[in-house]
Amino acid sequence: MTRKSQVSDTLTRLEATIVQRLAASPETSYVAKLHAKGLAKIAQKVGEEATETVIAALAGDDAELVGEAADLLFHLMVLLAEKGVPIDSVLAELDRREGMSGIAEKEARAQKAARTE
């Protein structure tokens, strides 16, 4: 199994678990508890985890960064599930951007936004 398919499999399994737990009781599932609190709370958690990831990157060791990055990915996937956005859509967008300069990609998004205004 290639590393890319291994990552995709891990994210797909996590997504399935999250979707299943959205329907669980908030008393038995952290995902269900977040879901019950609504989109704003889930988005807040993504922000908190992003901040903790940045702090770990700047001040922590690699193990702390790995843990915080895992928390961030998990909460981001809860947010995506809450919005009904499949991880495959995100992975497809990353695939589309592969090999493209970040500067060129950002410029293309800005041009697209200008055309839609």
C-alpha atoms as a PDB file:
ATOM      1  CA  MET A   1       0.000   0.000   0.000  1.00  0.00           C
ATOM      2  CA  THR A   2       1.370   3.394  -0.931  1.00  0.00           C
ATOM      3  CA  ARG A   3       1.683   6.147   1.641  1.00  0.00           C
ATOM      4  CA  LYS A   4      -0.930   8.201  -0.221  1.00  0.00           C
ATOM      5  CA  SER A   5      -3.500   5.401  -0.152  1.00  0.00           C
ATOM      6  CA  GLN A   6      -2.669   4.702   3.498  1.00  0.00           C
ATOM      7  CA  VAL A   7      -3.401   8.343   4.390  1.00  0.00           C
ATOM      8  CA  SER A   8      -6.588   8.267   2.351  1.00  0.00           C
ATOM      9  CA  ASP A   9      -7.702   5.016   4.038  1.00  0.00           C
ATOM     10  CA  THR A  10      -7.050   6.469   7.495  1.00  0.00           C
ATOM     11  CA  LEU A  11      -9.037   9.613   6.721  1.00  0.00           C
ATOM     12  CA  THR A  12     -11.863   7.616   5.124  1.00  0.00           C
ATOM     13  CA  ARG A  13     -12.151   5.357   8.195  1.00  0.00           C
ATOM     14  CA  LEU A  14     -12.112   8.375  10.497  1.00  0.00           C
ATOM     15  CA  GLU A  15     -14.780  10.069   8.404  1.00  0.00           C
ATOM     16  CA  ALA A  16     -17.020   6.987   8.604  1.00  0.00           C
ATOM     17  CA  THR A  17     -16.612   6.847  12.375  1.00  0.00           C
ATOM     18  CA  ILE A  18     -17.409  10.551  12.738  1.00  0.00           C
ATOM     19  CA  VAL A  19     -20.510  10.308  10.532  1.00  0.00           C
ATOM     20  CA  GLN A  20     -21.716   7.323  12.544  1.00  0.00           C
ATOM     21  CA  ARG A  21     -21.152   9.138  15.840  1.00  0.00           C
ATOM     22  CA  LEU A  22     -22.995  12.275  14.713  1.00  0.00           C
ATOM     23  CA  ALA A  23     -26.168  10.240  15.236  1.00  0.00           C
ATOM     24  CA  ALA A  24     -25.117   8.835  18.620  1.00  0.00           C
ATOM     25  CA  SER A  25     -26.205  10.086  22.009  1.00  0.00           C
ATOM     26  CA  PRO A  26     -24.281  13.103  23.320  1.00  0.00           C
ATOM     27  CA  GLU A  27     -23.916  11.190  26.578  1.00  0.00           C
ATOM     28  CA  THR A  28     -21.905   8.466  24.850  1.00  0.00           C
ATOM     29  CA  SER A  29     -20.028  10.289  22.086  1.00  0.00           C
ATOM     30  CA  TYR A  30     -17.792  13.361  22.021  1.00  0.00           C
ATOM     31  CA  VAL A  31     -18.653  13.880  18.330  1.00  0.00           C
ATOM     32  CA  ALA A  32     -22.372  13.751  19.122  1.00  0.00           C
ATOM     33  CA  LYS A  33     -21.837  16.206  21.981  1.00  0.00           C
ATOM     34  CA  LEU A  34     -20.109  18.656  19.624  1.00  0.00           C
ATOM     35  CA  HIS A  35     -22.831  18.117  17.019  1.00  0.00           C
ATOM     36  CA  ALA A  36     -25.502  18.921  19.629  1.00  0.00           C
ATOM     37  CA  LYS A  37     -23.738  22.208  20.411  1.00  0.00           C
ATOM     38  CA  GLY A  38     -23.873  23.230  16.758  1.00  0.00           C
ATOM     39  CA  LEU A  39     -21.678  24.441  13.937  1.00  0.00           C
ATOM     40  CA  ALA A  40     -20.340  27.504  15.745  1.00  0.00           C
ATOM     41  CA  LYS A  41     -18.970  25.383  18.609  1.00  0.00           C
ATOM     42  CA  ILE A  42     -17.378  22.935  16.191  1.00  0.00           C
ATOM     43  CA  ALA A  43     -15.762  25.808  14.279  1.00  0.00           C
ATOM     44  CA  GLN A  44     -14.537  27.270  17.577  1.00  0.00           C
ATOM     45  CA  LYS A  45     -12.920  23.930  18.446  1.00  0.00           C
ATOM     46  CA  VAL A  46     -11.121  23.892  15.076  1.00  0.00           C
ATOM     47  CA  GLY A  47      -9.767  27.353  15.850  1.00  0.00           C
ATOM     48  CA  GLU A  48      -8.640  26.311  19.327  1.00  0.00           C
ATOM     49  CA  GLU A  49      -6.905  23.223  17.984  1.00  0.00           C
ATOM     50  CA  ALA A  50      -5.222  25.266  15.240  1.00  0.00           C
ATOM     51  CA  THR A  51      -3.870  27.656  17.866  1.00  0.00           C
ATOM     52  CA  GLU A  52      -2.630  24.776  20.017  1.00  0.00           C
ATOM     53  CA  THR A  53      -0.923  23.280  16.953  1.00  0.00           C
ATOM     54  CA  VAL A  54       0.874  26.552  16.265  1.00  0.00           C
ATOM     55  CA  ILE A  55       1.989  26.809  19.897  1.00  0.00           C
ATOM     56  CA  ALA A  56       3.270  23.221  19.835  1.00  0.00           C
ATOM     57  CA  ALA A  57       5.154  23.907  16.617  1.00  0.00           C
ATOM     58  CA  LEU A  58       6.879  26.916  18.127  1.00  0.00           C
ATOM     59  CA  ALA A  59       7.456  25.768  21.691  1.00  0.00           C
ATOM     60  CA  GLY A  60       6.823  22.045  21.971  1.00  0.00           C
ATOM     61  CA  ASP A  61       8.618  18.925  20.981  1.00  0.00           C
ATOM     62  CA  ASP A  62       7.731  16.803  17.961  1.00  0.00           C
ATOM     63  CA  ALA A  63       5.489  14.460  19.979  1.00  0.00           C
ATOM     64  CA  GLU A  64       3.426  17.405  21.212  1.00  0.00           C
ATOM     65  CA  LEU A  65       3.131  18.762  17.674  1.00  0.00           C
ATOM     66  CA  VAL A  66       1.988  15.359  16.392  1.00  0.00           C
ATOM     67  CA  GLY A  67      -0.673  15.157  19.093  1.00  0.00           C
ATOM     68  CA  GLU A  68      -1.971  18.651  18.432  1.00  0.00           C
ATOM     69  CA  ALA A  69      -1.930  18.100  14.666  1.00  0.00           C
ATOM     70  CA  ALA A  70      -4.002  14.932  15.166  1.00  0.00           C
ATOM     71  CA  ASP A  71      -6.478  16.900  17.297  1.00  0.00           C
ATOM     72  CA  LEU A  72      -6.685  19.573  14.597  1.00  0.00           C
ATOM     73  CA  LEU A  73      -7.301  17.064  11.805  1.00  0.00           C
ATOM     74  CA  PHE A  74      -9.926  15.283  13.889  1.00  0.00           C
ATOM     75  CA  HIS A  75     -11.853  18.473  14.657  1.00  0.00           C
ATOM     76  CA  LEU A  76     -11.554  19.651  11.055  1.00  0.00           C
ATOM     77  CA  MET A  77     -13.070  16.350   9.940  1.00  0.00           C
ATOM     78  CA  VAL A  78     -15.917  16.798  12.442  1.00  0.00           C
ATOM     79  CA  LEU A  79     -16.525  20.242  10.919  1.00  0.00           C
ATOM     80  CA  LEU A  80     -16.513  18.823   7.392  1.00  0.00           C
ATOM     81  CA  ALA A  81     -18.958  16.080   8.408  1.00  0.00           C
ATOM     82  CA  GLU A  82     -21.209  18.622  10.103  1.00  0.00           C
ATOM     83  CA  LYS A  83     -21.301  20.586   6.839  1.00  0.00           C
ATOM     84  CA  GLY A  84     -21.790  17.443   4.724  1.00  0.00           C
ATOM     85  CA  VAL A  85     -18.482  17.926   2.894  1.00  0.00           C
ATOM     86  CA  PRO A  86     -16.815  14.577   2.203  1.00  0.00           C
ATOM     87  CA  ILE A  87     -13.080  14.239   2.820  1.00  0.00           C
ATOM     88  CA  ASP A  88     -12.786  13.027  -0.771  1.00  0.00           C
ATOM     89  CA  SER A  89     -13.689  16.560  -1.905  1.00  0.00           C
ATOM     90  CA  VAL A  90     -10.810  17.996   0.116  1.00  0.00           C
ATOM     91  CA  LEU A  91      -8.411  15.322  -1.123  1.00  0.00           C
ATOM     92  CA  ALA A  92      -9.516  15.958  -4.716  1.00  0.00           C
ATOM     93  CA  GLU A  93      -8.804  19.669  -4.264  1.00  0.00           C
ATOM     94  CA  LEU A  94      -5.348  18.865  -2.906  1.00  0.00           C
ATOM     95  CA  ASP A  95      -4.764  16.563  -5.888  1.00  0.00           C
ATOM     96  CA  ARG A  96      -5.880  19.348  -8.234  1.00  0.00           C
ATOM     97  CA  ARG A  97      -3.359  21.706  -6.661  1.00  0.00           C
ATOM     98  CA  GLU A  98      -0.496  19.207  -6.729  1.00  0.00           C
ATOM     99  CA  GLY A  99       2.455  20.522  -8.666  1.00  0.00           C
ATOM    100  CA  MET A 100       1.012  24.032  -8.774  1.00  0.00           C
ATOM    101  CA  SER A 101       2.952  26.857  -7.198  1.00  0.00           C
ATOM    102  CA  GLY A 102       1.244  28.135  -4.069  1.00  0.00           C
ATOM    103  CA  ILE A 103       1.671  31.652  -5.384  1.00  0.00           C
ATOM    104  CA  ALA A 104       0.062  30.749  -8.716  1.00  0.00           C
ATOM    105  CA  GLU A 105      -2.777  28.897  -6.984  1.00  0.00           C
ATOM    106  CA  LYS A 106      -3.523  31.863  -4.710  1.00  0.00           C
ATOM    107  CA  GLU A 107      -3.452  34.230  -7.695  1.00  0.00           C
ATOM    108  CA  ALA A 108      -5.878  31.983  -9.616  1.00  0.00           C
ATOM    109  CA  ARG A 109      -8.300  32.029  -6.659  1.00  0.00           C
ATOM    110  CA  ALA A 110      -8.080  35.830  -6.452  1.00  0.00           C
ATOM    111  CA  GLN A 111      -8.794  36.154 -10.187  1.00  0.00           C
ATOM    112  CA  LYS A 112     -11.764  33.785  -9.900  1.00  0.00           C
ATOM    113  CA  ALA A 113     -13.141  35.793  -6.957  1.00  0.00           C
ATOM    114  CA  ALA A 114     -12.757  39.040  -8.905  1.00  0.00           C
ATOM    115  CA  ARG A 115     -14.717  37.573 -11.837  1.00  0.00           C
ATOM    116  CA  THR A 116     -17.614  36.563  -9.576  1.00  0.00           C
ATOM    117  CA  GLU A 117     -17.979  39.978  -7.906  1.00  0.00           C
END
